[in-house]
């Protein structure tokens, strides 16, 4: 019983925070959160910066180097329900030397765990909805000036010291190239996460493959990512991204720092917050 309790505490924040990531930027939901039915209410906030070399945003033909400064947070008002929001500032450097800067789009989302139980609650599943508000300017290609909506389903499973997760869904993107049009983009994510350490400091690692599949108006964007983090309540994390398809970034790097309350650790760092003595 005591070992099972430690096991639950170890993974509860990993399941809630979902080891958040930024898959196929701009084409699919940019924050991934996997709630757990056993998760206690709490929340987290994070700041970070990233740079993608050779990024091609949706509905755009030209690659550019895109830098981001982000602020995002998540809150669970009750067990198994997670609300989150994300805002960022974008800097695009184009091959011809022109530079465009400005605020990015505001993202809002909600995920809810499905009401089922597995042995020792080692499995969890959730359904979610996300919306992108068109705050970024379409001048210079910072945004599409169109609203986007996405529906997704997520499943997670404990496998010994690992946390496995898979997600998929459909993003309905407002199409700036066609009046009153849209582009339906299926997306997928597979994740393997590990967390270790003791009660004070917790290292964590995450390996992901994520993809926005080809659609009528957008090519496929497929990339892999490796993230490493360290901390407990206060956390830091670094991520490296390698693009697989031409429309994905050639190379991306990100650094993040955050803080979590209750059973939470920060949204992106994805580090479980353990009780002292676990």
Foldseek 3Di string as FASTA:
>chain_A
DVVLVQVCLQCQQLQQLVLWAQFLHQQADGTDGHFAQPHAWWKKKKWKKKWFAQAAHFLGDGTWIKIKIKIKMWTDPGHFKIKIKMWIKIWTAGPVGDIDIDIAWIKIKMKGWDPDADVSSQKTKIKMKMKTQGPDDPVVHRHLSWIKMKIKMKMWGDDPQKIKMKMKTWMWADHSVDVVDTKIWIKIKIKIKGWDDAQWKIKIKMKMWIWTDDTDRGHIWIKIKIKIKMGAQKIKMKMKMDTDDSNYGRIMIMIMIMGIDDQYHHNNRSGTHHDPPD
